[in-house]
Amino acid sequence: GDKLAISHVIFCDGDSPEQPEPKIESVYGEWVGDWECGDTQVTETRTVTQVTTPYVFDEQSQTWVLDTANAVETPLADEERIRDLTEDEQFDCPVLPQYSAEDECVDGTSWVRVTKISNPDGMPVGIYVDDVLVETTIDGTVVQGEPGQLLEVRTIPQTLKTAARTQQAAAETEEPVVLASANFTPCVEAPEPDVDATDWVDGEYECDDTQVEQTREVTTTTYKVEGDQVVVDTVDTVVETRMRDLEDDEITDCPNEEPEPDPTVAGFTAKTQCVALAPVVDWTVDVTEGDEPFGTRTLTVSTPSGTVLASVEVTGDAAGQIPLKGRDGESVNVAWDFDDQVESVTLAEPCATVFGVVLDKDPAPAPQPEPEPAPVVSDTTNEIPVAGATSDVLLVWAGGLLALGCGLLLTERRLARARR
């Protein structure tokens, strides 16, 4: 029943235990994740490391022990999970305020006007010019700056708390939020319009003129401001005119010129009457001479079919008669070879009558071609003598006497019968 204490264990060669396999284990880090206001879940990750620890033989204890000094750590892929946030972890998002910033010019100086639109939570807000805080009281505030500087309205970093969060769970804003911004722009004013005019240029003038019209071009250029630049707005060009009195050495007299004579105008008339028991055509020619001499013109009488019965050559003003024996009552055309003037004339009818008796015309047993007209020539003052007028008068008187003798003879015979 007595127990003996063993102070040493001695292994003989070849009898010690075998070295065990290295110990391998995984080491996990803490779950870490970030979330924002309004989130109800969070994505978390943790590291995973594989640790390999070999064994070493302890001479004192004559056993194999872990050699932690030579352990090897090998990182493995991180693990990820999504979990629901607890009520204590959740918090409401703050309502960001709203501001406006507009640049303007005041008396040639650059300004920016900042106006508060809303800030329900009373969040601290500041005005920064080139990242320098210049104002914290903002409500229709006007800030002066230099052209090119940047004005920003930002939230001021603070600790945000909600009723659902404890002091320890409070989240602190790390970056301000830019609510509005504007640049200070140069206060450039549009210059007055530029008006450029060319020199006056004389127009044309003639002799006896005492004035001349002059013209010139006037160009008006207007400007406008676009941003911080002045640019051309409109360019209009108009032509102006004026009258200038000519100098004495510019005025010249026009040479005396004879008025141009009227062009030659000629006209004629034609009518008919009976002369010496024959129809005649009375004609007149009136001429007004101009630059060109009138020359010799021809007056022609023809039948409607175109047969020429007579013609007269005329120089200047003239008048005359053309007899047309045997054509009582016929129509003839009287043509004037100046401006193609033509008149149609119906000859007088009858012409051969004595004591109310119509005398027979010259017998014509068979139709004969129209006779060739005898040439008739007149001067410019005297009438043309009528050919055959004397013989016709004698014939008329002879016929009258014969008729008278016959009448007397019949009367005598009637008286003799009455006596019986």
Protein backbone atom coordinates (compact mmCIF):
# COMPACT_ATOMS: atom_id res chain seq x y z
CA GLY A 1 0.00 0.00 0.00
CA ASP A 2 3.05 2.36 0.32
CA LYS A 3 3.77 4.68 -2.65
CA LEU A 4 7.19 5.56 -3.87
CA ALA A 5 8.11 8.93 -5.28
CA ILE A 6 9.91 8.82 -8.63
CA SER A 7 12.50 11.51 -8.92
CA HIS A 8 14.03 10.62 -12.31
CA VAL A 9 13.03 8.61 -15.31
CA ILE A 10 15.85 7.47 -17.43
CA PHE A 11 15.23 6.22 -20.89
CA CYS A 12 17.73 4.05 -22.50
CA ASP A 13 18.77 4.70 -26.04
CA GLY A 14 16.10 3.70 -28.43
CA ASP A 15 13.41 3.82 -25.81
CA SER A 16 12.45 7.66 -25.84
CA PRO A 17 8.91 8.62 -27.17
CA GLU A 18 8.53 9.85 -30.76
CA GLN A 19 8.23 13.60 -31.54
CA PRO A 20 4.56 14.55 -32.03
CA GLU A 21 3.23 16.45 -35.13
CA PRO A 22 3.24 20.27 -34.88
CA LYS A 23 0.15 21.80 -33.41
CA ILE A 24 -2.05 23.77 -35.92
CA GLU A 25 -4.74 26.12 -34.75
CA SER A 26 -6.74 29.13 -36.05
CA VAL A 27 -6.70 32.46 -34.28
CA TYR A 28 -9.68 34.86 -34.92
CA GLY A 29 -9.72 38.62 -34.56
CA GLU A 30 -12.57 40.81 -33.36
CA TRP A 31 -15.58 41.52 -35.54
CA VAL A 32 -15.25 45.06 -36.89
CA GLY A 33 -17.75 47.09 -38.91
CA ASP A 34 -18.89 50.70 -39.58
CA TRP A 35 -22.42 51.97 -39.95
CA GLU A 36 -24.10 55.30 -40.44
CA CYS A 37 -27.16 57.06 -39.20
CA GLY A 38 -30.33 55.36 -40.26
CA ASP A 39 -28.66 51.94 -40.77
CA THR A 40 -30.35 48.87 -39.26
CA GLN A 41 -27.63 46.36 -40.23
CA VAL A 42 -23.88 46.35 -40.30
CA THR A 43 -21.34 44.42 -42.35
CA GLU A 44 -18.49 43.17 -40.15
CA THR A 45 -15.21 41.43 -40.89
CA ARG A 46 -12.56 39.66 -38.77
CA THR A 47 -9.11 38.33 -39.44
CA VAL A 48 -8.21 34.63 -39.42
CA THR A 49 -4.62 33.48 -38.72
CA GLN A 50 -3.30 29.91 -38.81
CA VAL A 51 -0.61 29.25 -36.10
CA THR A 52 1.67 26.23 -36.49
CA THR A 53 3.67 25.36 -33.33
CA PRO A 54 6.29 22.56 -33.39
CA TYR A 55 7.29 20.34 -30.39
CA VAL A 56 10.65 20.28 -28.70
CA PHE A 57 12.05 17.63 -26.28
CA ASP A 58 12.49 18.90 -22.75
CA GLU A 59 15.55 17.22 -21.21
CA GLN A 60 14.52 18.06 -17.71
CA SER A 61 11.08 16.61 -17.95
CA GLN A 62 12.10 14.17 -20.58
CA THR A 63 8.91 15.06 -22.51
CA TRP A 64 7.95 16.80 -25.75
CA VAL A 65 6.66 20.31 -25.21
CA LEU A 66 5.34 23.04 -27.59
CA ASP A 67 8.06 25.26 -28.98
CA THR A 68 6.15 28.58 -29.01
CA ALA A 69 9.27 30.49 -29.79
CA ASN A 70 9.33 28.92 -33.21
CA ALA A 71 5.62 29.04 -33.95
CA VAL A 72 4.70 30.13 -37.51
CA GLU A 73 1.68 32.39 -38.17
CA THR A 74 0.00 32.22 -41.56
CA PRO A 75 -2.78 34.80 -42.41
CA LEU A 76 -5.91 33.32 -43.93
CA ALA A 77 -8.84 35.05 -45.71
CA ASP A 78 -10.88 37.38 -43.54
CA GLU A 79 -14.33 36.31 -42.61
CA GLU A 80 -17.39 38.51 -43.18
CA ARG A 81 -20.87 38.64 -41.75
CA ILE A 82 -23.96 40.85 -41.70
CA ARG A 83 -25.80 41.31 -38.49
CA ASP A 84 -28.69 43.38 -37.27
CA LEU A 85 -27.89 46.42 -35.21
CA THR A 86 -29.28 46.61 -31.75
CA GLU A 87 -31.54 49.47 -30.74
CA ASP A 88 -28.65 51.00 -28.83
CA GLU A 89 -26.48 50.89 -31.91
CA GLN A 90 -28.99 52.51 -34.24
CA PHE A 91 -29.26 56.31 -34.39
CA ASP A 92 -31.17 58.84 -36.47
CA CYS A 93 -29.54 60.97 -39.14
CA PRO A 94 -29.40 64.69 -38.45
CA VAL A 95 -31.37 66.97 -40.80
CA LEU A 96 -28.82 69.05 -42.72
CA PRO A 97 -29.57 72.74 -42.94
CA GLN A 98 -30.08 74.50 -46.31
CA TYR A 99 -28.32 77.73 -47.33
CA SER A 100 -27.83 79.66 -50.56
CA ALA A 101 -24.79 81.69 -51.70
CA GLU A 102 -24.96 84.18 -54.58
CA ASP A 103 -22.24 86.50 -55.82
CA GLU A 104 -23.02 90.17 -56.47
CA CYS A 105 -21.31 93.50 -56.97
CA VAL A 106 -21.77 96.45 -54.65
CA ASP A 107 -20.17 99.72 -55.73
CA GLY A 108 -17.63 97.87 -57.84
CA THR A 109 -16.68 95.46 -55.00
CA SER A 110 -17.12 91.66 -55.04
CA TRP A 111 -19.51 90.29 -52.45
CA VAL A 112 -21.33 87.02 -51.72
CA ARG A 113 -24.71 87.05 -50.03
CA VAL A 114 -25.46 83.97 -47.85
CA THR A 115 -29.09 83.29 -46.93
CA LYS A 116 -30.44 80.64 -44.57
CA ILE A 117 -33.24 78.57 -46.02
CA SER A 118 -33.76 76.11 -43.14
CA ASN A 119 -31.88 74.69 -40.11
CA PRO A 120 -34.45 72.79 -38.03
CA ASP A 121 -31.94 71.21 -35.66
CA GLY A 122 -29.97 74.39 -35.15
CA MET A 123 -26.81 72.76 -36.41
CA PRO A 124 -23.75 75.01 -36.15
CA VAL A 125 -22.84 76.39 -39.55
CA GLY A 126 -19.97 78.63 -40.60
CA ILE A 127 -18.88 80.67 -43.60
CA TYR A 128 -15.40 79.81 -44.83
CA VAL A 129 -13.38 81.86 -47.32
CA ASP A 130 -10.48 79.86 -48.74
CA ASP A 131 -10.86 77.37 -45.81
CA VAL A 132 -10.78 80.14 -43.20
CA LEU A 133 -13.80 80.51 -40.92
CA VAL A 134 -15.00 84.12 -41.14
CA GLU A 135 -18.60 84.04 -39.88
CA THR A 136 -20.89 81.78 -37.84
CA THR A 137 -24.00 83.94 -37.65
CA ILE A 138 -25.71 83.50 -40.97
CA ASP A 139 -29.00 84.97 -42.09
CA GLY A 140 -28.80 87.23 -45.13
CA THR A 141 -25.13 87.83 -44.43
CA VAL A 142 -23.02 89.62 -47.03
CA VAL A 143 -19.33 88.79 -47.11
CA GLN A 144 -16.76 90.77 -49.08
CA GLY A 145 -13.94 89.00 -50.86
CA GLU A 146 -11.42 89.22 -53.62
CA PRO A 147 -12.07 87.99 -57.15
CA GLY A 148 -11.09 84.35 -57.43
CA GLN A 149 -11.63 83.45 -53.75
CA LEU A 150 -14.03 80.63 -52.85
CA LEU A 151 -16.73 81.01 -50.23
CA GLU A 152 -18.30 77.89 -48.71
CA VAL A 153 -21.06 77.40 -46.17
CA ARG A 154 -20.17 74.32 -44.10
CA THR A 155 -21.35 72.44 -41.04
CA ILE A 156 -19.01 72.85 -38.05
CA PRO A 157 -17.68 69.47 -36.74
CA GLN A 158 -19.53 68.41 -33.57
CA THR A 159 -20.70 65.42 -31.56
CA LEU A 160 -24.06 64.21 -32.74
CA LYS A 161 -26.45 62.64 -30.27
CA THR A 162 -29.94 61.31 -30.42
CA ALA A 163 -32.35 60.19 -27.73
CA ALA A 164 -31.80 56.62 -28.79
CA ARG A 165 -28.07 56.74 -28.21
CA THR A 166 -26.01 56.87 -25.06
CA GLN A 167 -23.05 59.18 -24.60
CA GLN A 168 -20.72 56.28 -25.26
CA ALA A 169 -22.46 55.41 -28.52
CA ALA A 170 -22.27 58.97 -29.84
CA ALA A 171 -20.72 59.43 -33.29
CA GLU A 172 -18.53 62.40 -34.03
CA THR A 173 -18.52 64.02 -37.47
CA GLU A 174 -15.04 63.92 -38.94
CA GLU A 175 -15.59 66.02 -42.10
CA PRO A 176 -17.77 69.11 -42.48
CA VAL A 177 -20.58 69.10 -45.01
CA VAL A 178 -20.54 71.85 -47.67
CA LEU A 179 -24.03 73.28 -47.84
CA ALA A 180 -23.50 76.05 -50.45
CA SER A 181 -20.63 77.74 -52.31
CA ALA A 182 -19.88 80.68 -54.60
CA ASN A 183 -16.86 82.35 -56.16
CA PHE A 184 -16.11 86.02 -55.77
CA THR A 185 -16.30 87.26 -59.37
CA PRO A 186 -14.76 90.46 -60.70
CA CYS A 187 -17.18 93.35 -60.82
CA VAL A 188 -16.78 94.14 -64.51
CA GLU A 189 -18.96 96.78 -66.06
CA ALA A 190 -19.69 96.92 -69.76
CA PRO A 191 -17.98 99.92 -71.36
CA GLU A 192 -19.79 102.54 -73.40
CA PRO A 193 -20.45 101.64 -77.05
CA ASP A 194 -17.68 102.36 -79.55
CA VAL A 195 -18.69 104.50 -82.53
CA ASP A 196 -16.36 104.52 -85.53
CA ALA A 197 -17.08 106.60 -88.64
CA THR A 198 -15.33 106.67 -92.01
CA ASP A 199 -14.47 109.91 -93.78
CA TRP A 200 -17.14 111.70 -95.79
CA VAL A 201 -16.96 110.79 -99.48
CA ASP A 202 -18.30 113.04 -102.25
CA GLY A 203 -20.78 111.64 -104.70
CA GLU A 204 -21.03 112.67 -108.35
CA TYR A 205 -22.09 116.14 -109.40
CA GLU A 206 -22.57 117.87 -112.73
CA CYS A 207 -22.08 121.27 -114.25
CA ASP A 208 -24.22 124.04 -112.75
CA ASP A 209 -24.56 122.04 -109.49
CA THR A 210 -23.90 124.02 -106.31
CA GLN A 211 -24.12 121.11 -103.85
CA VAL A 212 -22.96 117.51 -103.71
CA GLU A 213 -24.22 114.58 -101.64
CA GLN A 214 -21.70 112.99 -99.28
CA THR A 215 -21.86 109.53 -97.63
CA ARG A 216 -20.01 107.75 -94.84
CA GLU A 217 -20.33 104.50 -92.85
CA VAL A 218 -20.87 104.62 -89.08
CA THR A 219 -20.22 101.40 -87.09
CA THR A 220 -21.51 101.11 -83.51
CA THR A 221 -20.17 98.29 -81.29
CA THR A 222 -21.89 97.49 -77.97
CA TYR A 223 -20.53 95.29 -75.17
CA LYS A 224 -21.89 93.05 -72.43
CA VAL A 225 -20.51 91.12 -69.42
CA GLU A 226 -20.44 87.32 -69.44
CA GLY A 227 -19.09 85.99 -66.15
CA ASP A 228 -15.92 87.97 -65.50
CA GLN A 229 -15.33 88.81 -69.16
CA VAL A 230 -16.43 91.72 -71.32
CA VAL A 231 -17.52 90.52 -74.75
CA VAL A 232 -18.94 92.15 -77.87
CA ASP A 233 -22.73 92.24 -77.91
CA THR A 234 -23.78 93.83 -81.22
CA VAL A 235 -22.11 95.45 -84.25
CA ASP A 236 -24.31 97.67 -86.43
CA THR A 237 -23.23 99.64 -89.52
CA VAL A 238 -25.35 102.36 -91.12
CA VAL A 239 -24.75 104.72 -94.05
CA GLU A 240 -25.20 108.42 -93.34
CA THR A 241 -25.70 111.13 -95.97
CA ARG A 242 -25.46 114.90 -96.04
CA MET A 243 -25.27 117.76 -98.56
CA ARG A 244 -22.13 119.87 -98.94
CA ASP A 245 -21.88 123.23 -100.68
CA LEU A 246 -19.44 123.13 -103.57
CA GLU A 247 -16.47 125.47 -103.51
CA ASP A 248 -16.21 128.14 -106.19
CA ASP A 249 -13.47 126.25 -108.00
CA GLU A 250 -15.66 123.12 -108.06
CA ILE A 251 -18.63 124.76 -109.78
CA THR A 252 -18.62 124.66 -113.59
CA ASP A 253 -21.03 126.17 -116.10
CA CYS A 254 -22.80 123.90 -118.52
CA PRO A 255 -22.19 124.75 -122.22
CA ASN A 256 -25.10 126.25 -124.17
CA GLU A 257 -26.70 123.55 -126.22
CA GLU A 258 -29.31 124.02 -128.90
CA PRO A 259 -32.45 122.12 -128.10
CA GLU A 260 -32.83 119.04 -130.13
CA PRO A 261 -35.38 119.58 -132.91
CA ASP A 262 -38.47 117.51 -132.93
CA PRO A 263 -38.33 114.53 -135.20
CA THR A 264 -39.89 114.87 -138.63
CA VAL A 265 -43.66 114.62 -138.38
CA ALA A 266 -45.79 114.31 -141.45
CA GLY A 267 -49.51 113.91 -141.93
CA PHE A 268 -51.98 114.00 -144.85
CA THR A 269 -55.69 114.21 -145.53
CA ALA A 270 -57.74 112.87 -148.45
CA LYS A 271 -61.32 113.60 -149.49
CA THR A 272 -63.37 113.34 -152.68
CA GLN A 273 -65.49 115.64 -154.82
CA CYS A 274 -66.68 115.98 -158.40
CA VAL A 275 -64.70 118.17 -160.77
CA ALA A 276 -65.70 118.47 -164.45
CA LEU A 277 -68.11 115.52 -164.21
CA ALA A 278 -65.40 113.24 -162.78
CA PRO A 279 -64.58 112.22 -159.17
CA VAL A 280 -61.30 113.49 -157.86
CA VAL A 281 -59.28 112.93 -154.65
CA ASP A 282 -58.28 116.14 -152.88
CA TRP A 283 -55.12 115.61 -150.83
CA THR A 284 -52.97 117.70 -148.53
CA VAL A 285 -49.61 116.95 -146.89
CA ASP A 286 -48.37 118.80 -143.77
CA VAL A 287 -44.70 118.32 -142.80
CA THR A 288 -42.71 119.50 -139.76
CA GLU A 289 -39.04 118.91 -140.44
CA GLY A 290 -36.54 118.01 -137.70
CA ASP A 291 -32.91 116.90 -137.68
CA GLU A 292 -33.30 114.80 -140.82
CA PRO A 293 -34.48 116.27 -144.13
CA PHE A 294 -37.93 115.19 -145.15
CA GLY A 295 -36.88 114.18 -148.62
CA THR A 296 -39.26 113.10 -151.39
CA ARG A 297 -42.28 111.02 -150.39
CA THR A 298 -44.94 109.30 -152.48
CA LEU A 299 -48.74 109.51 -152.27
CA THR A 300 -50.39 106.51 -153.92
CA VAL A 301 -54.04 105.82 -154.83
CA SER A 302 -54.94 102.18 -155.35
CA THR A 303 -57.90 99.86 -155.45
CA PRO A 304 -58.71 97.69 -152.41
CA SER A 305 -57.14 94.78 -154.28
CA GLY A 306 -53.84 96.67 -154.57
CA THR A 307 -53.92 97.94 -158.17
CA VAL A 308 -52.21 101.32 -158.31
CA LEU A 309 -54.36 103.94 -160.02
CA ALA A 310 -52.16 107.01 -159.54
CA SER A 311 -49.17 108.25 -157.57
CA VAL A 312 -47.70 111.64 -156.70
CA GLU A 313 -44.21 112.51 -155.49
CA VAL A 314 -44.19 115.24 -152.84
CA THR A 315 -41.43 117.22 -151.18
CA GLY A 316 -42.42 119.19 -148.09
CA ASP A 317 -45.89 120.67 -147.61
CA ALA A 318 -48.14 120.19 -150.65
CA ALA A 319 -51.72 119.84 -151.86
CA GLY A 320 -53.34 118.63 -155.04
CA GLN A 321 -56.03 116.63 -156.85
CA ILE A 322 -55.98 113.24 -158.48
CA PRO A 323 -58.82 112.67 -161.05
CA LEU A 324 -60.31 109.19 -161.24
CA LYS A 325 -62.67 109.31 -164.25
CA GLY A 326 -65.14 106.49 -164.52
CA ARG A 327 -64.81 105.32 -160.89
CA ASP A 328 -67.80 107.12 -159.41
CA GLY A 329 -68.83 105.62 -156.09
CA GLU A 330 -65.88 103.20 -155.86
CA SER A 331 -63.66 102.89 -152.79
CA VAL A 332 -59.99 103.60 -153.11
CA ASN A 333 -57.09 103.60 -150.64
CA VAL A 334 -54.91 106.67 -150.40
CA ALA A 335 -51.52 105.64 -148.94
CA TRP A 336 -48.74 107.89 -147.66
CA ASP A 337 -45.32 106.23 -147.46
CA PHE A 338 -44.45 108.03 -144.24
CA ASP A 339 -45.25 105.98 -141.09
CA ASP A 340 -47.47 103.70 -143.25
CA GLN A 341 -50.43 106.11 -143.16
CA VAL A 342 -53.46 104.94 -145.17
CA GLU A 343 -56.94 106.41 -145.63
CA SER A 344 -59.87 104.73 -147.35
CA VAL A 345 -61.97 107.08 -149.53
CA THR A 346 -65.29 106.38 -151.30
CA LEU A 347 -65.39 108.44 -154.49
CA ALA A 348 -68.31 110.81 -155.11
CA GLU A 349 -71.30 109.37 -157.05
CA PRO A 350 -72.68 110.30 -159.50
CA CYS A 351 -70.67 112.98 -161.21
CA ALA A 352 -71.80 112.80 -164.91
CA THR A 353 -75.26 114.52 -164.79
CA VAL A 354 -76.76 117.34 -166.92
CA PHE A 355 -80.10 118.95 -166.07
CA GLY A 356 -80.81 116.10 -163.66
CA VAL A 357 -80.07 113.40 -166.22
CA VAL A 358 -77.34 110.88 -165.48
CA LEU A 359 -75.10 110.57 -168.44
CA ASP A 360 -73.84 107.20 -169.53
CA LYS A 361 -70.28 106.44 -168.73
CA ASP A 362 -67.95 105.43 -171.46
CA PRO A 363 -69.36 102.21 -172.91
CA ALA A 364 -67.47 99.09 -172.08
CA PRO A 365 -68.73 96.15 -174.17
CA ALA A 366 -66.66 93.66 -172.33
CA PRO A 367 -64.76 93.69 -169.00
CA GLN A 368 -61.37 95.09 -169.60
CA PRO A 369 -58.36 95.01 -167.27
CA GLU A 370 -57.99 98.09 -165.18
CA PRO A 371 -56.11 100.73 -167.15
CA GLU A 372 -52.67 101.73 -166.22
CA PRO A 373 -52.83 105.02 -164.32
CA ALA A 374 -51.53 108.01 -166.14
CA PRO A 375 -48.66 109.58 -164.28
CA VAL A 376 -49.81 112.68 -162.47
CA VAL A 377 -47.27 115.12 -161.11
CA SER A 378 -47.91 118.10 -158.88
CA ASP A 379 -45.74 120.78 -157.43
CA THR A 380 -45.99 122.01 -153.85
CA THR A 381 -48.27 124.97 -154.59
CA ASN A 382 -50.44 124.40 -157.69
CA GLU A 383 -53.22 121.93 -158.27
CA ILE A 384 -52.78 119.23 -160.86
CA PRO A 385 -54.66 119.96 -164.12
CA VAL A 386 -57.42 117.50 -164.76
CA ALA A 387 -56.84 115.60 -168.03
CA GLY A 388 -59.80 115.53 -170.47
CA ALA A 389 -61.87 118.13 -168.63
CA THR A 390 -62.50 120.37 -171.80
CA SER A 391 -63.74 117.52 -174.01
CA ASP A 392 -66.03 116.30 -171.29
CA VAL A 393 -67.59 119.78 -170.95
CA LEU A 394 -68.17 120.00 -174.73
CA LEU A 395 -69.79 116.60 -174.76
CA VAL A 396 -72.09 117.63 -171.96
CA TRP A 397 -73.11 120.82 -173.75
CA ALA A 398 -73.64 118.94 -177.03
CA GLY A 399 -75.80 116.42 -175.32
CA GLY A 400 -77.81 119.19 -173.74
CA LEU A 401 -78.40 120.94 -177.00
CA LEU A 402 -79.44 117.66 -178.63
CA ALA A 403 -81.92 116.99 -175.92
CA LEU A 404 -83.29 120.49 -176.22
CA GLY A 405 -83.73 120.08 -180.01
CA CYS A 406 -85.53 116.81 -179.55
CA GLY A 407 -87.81 118.39 -177.06
CA LEU A 408 -88.69 121.25 -179.34
CA LEU A 409 -89.38 118.84 -182.21
CA LEU A 410 -91.78 116.78 -180.12
CA THR A 411 -93.57 119.90 -179.00
CA GLU A 412 -94.06 121.08 -182.59
CA ARG A 413 -95.50 117.69 -183.61
CA ARG A 414 -98.02 117.75 -180.75
CA LEU A 415 -99.19 121.23 -181.74
CA ALA A 416 -99.67 120.16 -185.40
CA ARG A 417 -101.90 117.26 -184.30
CA ALA A 418 -103.96 119.53 -182.22
CA ARG A 419 -104.72 121.82 -185.16
CA ARG A 420 -106.03 118.98 -187.23
